[in-house]
Amino acid sequence: MTRSVEALLAQVAEHDAGLTLGGAVMLTLSILLVCGLVVFCVVRILREDAPAQHLHVPLDIDTHDTD
């Protein structure tokens, strides 16, 4: 390894890599937000009785891809 890489590794080893209180709060809030959004979406999808209307693709559309 070069000296610059060794110097960078020595600097990283000197610092305490613990999680601060602000980081823990931000991590907790972001995880709760994502889990809340997942639960909200799943409940909303499962709560729907039936779709309002079934959409079907018309078979008579000519895309001109076989010309």
C-alpha atoms as a PDB file:
ATOM      1  CA  MET A   1       0.000   0.000   0.000  1.00  0.00           C
ATOM      2  CA  THR A   2       1.059   3.524  -0.529  1.00  0.00           C
ATOM      3  CA  ARG A   3       1.737   5.920   2.289  1.00  0.00           C
ATOM      4  CA  SER A   4      -1.369   7.997   1.539  1.00  0.00           C
ATOM      5  CA  VAL A   5      -3.635   4.967   1.874  1.00  0.00           C
ATOM      6  CA  GLU A   6      -1.902   3.974   5.115  1.00  0.00           C
ATOM      7  CA  ALA A   7      -2.336   7.525   6.439  1.00  0.00           C
ATOM      8  CA  LEU A   8      -6.050   7.482   5.607  1.00  0.00           C
ATOM      9  CA  LEU A   9      -6.492   4.106   7.285  1.00  0.00           C
ATOM     10  CA  ALA A  10      -4.693   5.391  10.385  1.00  0.00           C
ATOM     11  CA  GLN A  11      -7.027   8.414  10.538  1.00  0.00           C
ATOM     12  CA  VAL A  12     -10.090   6.188  10.287  1.00  0.00           C
ATOM     13  CA  ALA A  13      -8.803   3.924  13.034  1.00  0.00           C
ATOM     14  CA  GLU A  14      -8.344   6.914  15.381  1.00  0.00           C
ATOM     15  CA  HIS A  15     -11.970   8.080  15.194  1.00  0.00           C
ATOM     16  CA  ASP A  16     -14.718   6.525  17.233  1.00  0.00           C
ATOM     17  CA  ALA A  17     -17.237   5.113  14.768  1.00  0.00           C
ATOM     18  CA  GLY A  18     -20.152   5.129  17.241  1.00  0.00           C
ATOM     19  CA  LEU A  19     -23.628   6.320  16.380  1.00  0.00           C
ATOM     20  CA  THR A  20     -24.526   9.722  17.762  1.00  0.00           C
ATOM     21  CA  LEU A  21     -27.905  10.561  19.250  1.00  0.00           C
ATOM     22  CA  GLY A  22     -28.873  12.634  16.204  1.00  0.00           C
ATOM     23  CA  GLY A  23     -27.899   9.805  13.879  1.00  0.00           C
ATOM     24  CA  ALA A  24     -29.900   7.291  15.904  1.00  0.00           C
ATOM     25  CA  VAL A  25     -32.979   9.542  15.845  1.00  0.00           C
ATOM     26  CA  MET A  26     -32.673  10.093  12.101  1.00  0.00           C
ATOM     27  CA  LEU A  27     -32.187   6.376  11.477  1.00  0.00           C
ATOM     28  CA  THR A  28     -35.206   5.479  13.622  1.00  0.00           C
ATOM     29  CA  LEU A  29     -37.434   8.086  11.977  1.00  0.00           C
ATOM     30  CA  SER A  30     -36.479   7.017   8.471  1.00  0.00           C
ATOM     31  CA  ILE A  31     -37.100   3.329   9.215  1.00  0.00           C
ATOM     32  CA  LEU A  32     -40.464   4.149  10.816  1.00  0.00           C
ATOM     33  CA  LEU A  33     -41.420   6.309   7.837  1.00  0.00           C
ATOM     34  CA  VAL A  34     -40.628   3.577   5.322  1.00  0.00           C
ATOM     35  CA  CYS A  35     -42.434   0.913   7.367  1.00  0.00           C
ATOM     36  CA  GLY A  36     -45.428   3.225   7.778  1.00  0.00           C
ATOM     37  CA  LEU A  37     -45.614   3.850   4.045  1.00  0.00           C
ATOM     38  CA  VAL A  38     -45.441   0.119   3.306  1.00  0.00           C
ATOM     39  CA  VAL A  39     -48.234  -0.620   5.791  1.00  0.00           C
ATOM     40  CA  PHE A  40     -50.334   2.255   4.409  1.00  0.00           C
ATOM     41  CA  CYS A  41     -49.977   1.009   0.822  1.00  0.00           C
ATOM     42  CA  VAL A  42     -50.675  -2.636   1.672  1.00  0.00           C
ATOM     43  CA  VAL A  43     -53.763  -1.745   3.718  1.00  0.00           C
ATOM     44  CA  ARG A  44     -55.044   0.525   0.977  1.00  0.00           C
ATOM     45  CA  ILE A  45     -54.566  -2.172  -1.670  1.00  0.00           C
ATOM     46  CA  LEU A  46     -56.138  -4.953   0.395  1.00  0.00           C
ATOM     47  CA  ARG A  47     -59.063  -2.790   1.516  1.00  0.00           C
ATOM     48  CA  GLU A  48     -60.297  -2.127  -2.015  1.00  0.00           C
ATOM     49  CA  ASP A  49     -63.348  -4.307  -2.728  1.00  0.00           C
ATOM     50  CA  ALA A  50     -63.206  -4.454  -6.489  1.00  0.00           C
ATOM     51  CA  PRO A  51     -61.736  -2.298  -9.195  1.00  0.00           C
ATOM     52  CA  ALA A  52     -64.080   0.378 -10.507  1.00  0.00           C
ATOM     53  CA  GLN A  53     -63.828  -0.905 -14.049  1.00  0.00           C
ATOM     54  CA  HIS A  54     -61.763  -3.448 -15.896  1.00  0.00           C
ATOM     55  CA  LEU A  55     -59.597  -1.955 -18.559  1.00  0.00           C
ATOM     56  CA  HIS A  56     -58.862  -4.168 -21.528  1.00  0.00           C
ATOM     57  CA  VAL A  57     -56.627  -3.496 -24.464  1.00  0.00           C
ATOM     58  CA  PRO A  58     -58.575  -3.289 -27.715  1.00  0.00           C
ATOM     59  CA  LEU A  59     -57.357  -5.945 -30.110  1.00  0.00           C
ATOM     60  CA  ASP A  60     -58.178  -3.909 -33.200  1.00  0.00           C
ATOM     61  CA  ILE A  61     -55.384  -1.359 -32.712  1.00  0.00           C
ATOM     62  CA  ASP A  62     -53.099  -1.472 -35.727  1.00  0.00           C
ATOM     63  CA  THR A  63     -49.523  -0.807 -34.627  1.00  0.00           C
ATOM     64  CA  HIS A  64     -48.095  -1.269 -38.130  1.00  0.00           C
ATOM     65  CA  ASP A  65     -45.303  -3.444 -36.757  1.00  0.00           C
ATOM     66  CA  THR A  66     -45.904  -6.266 -39.226  1.00  0.00           C
ATOM     67  CA  ASP A  67     -45.776  -4.084 -42.355  1.00  0.00           C
END
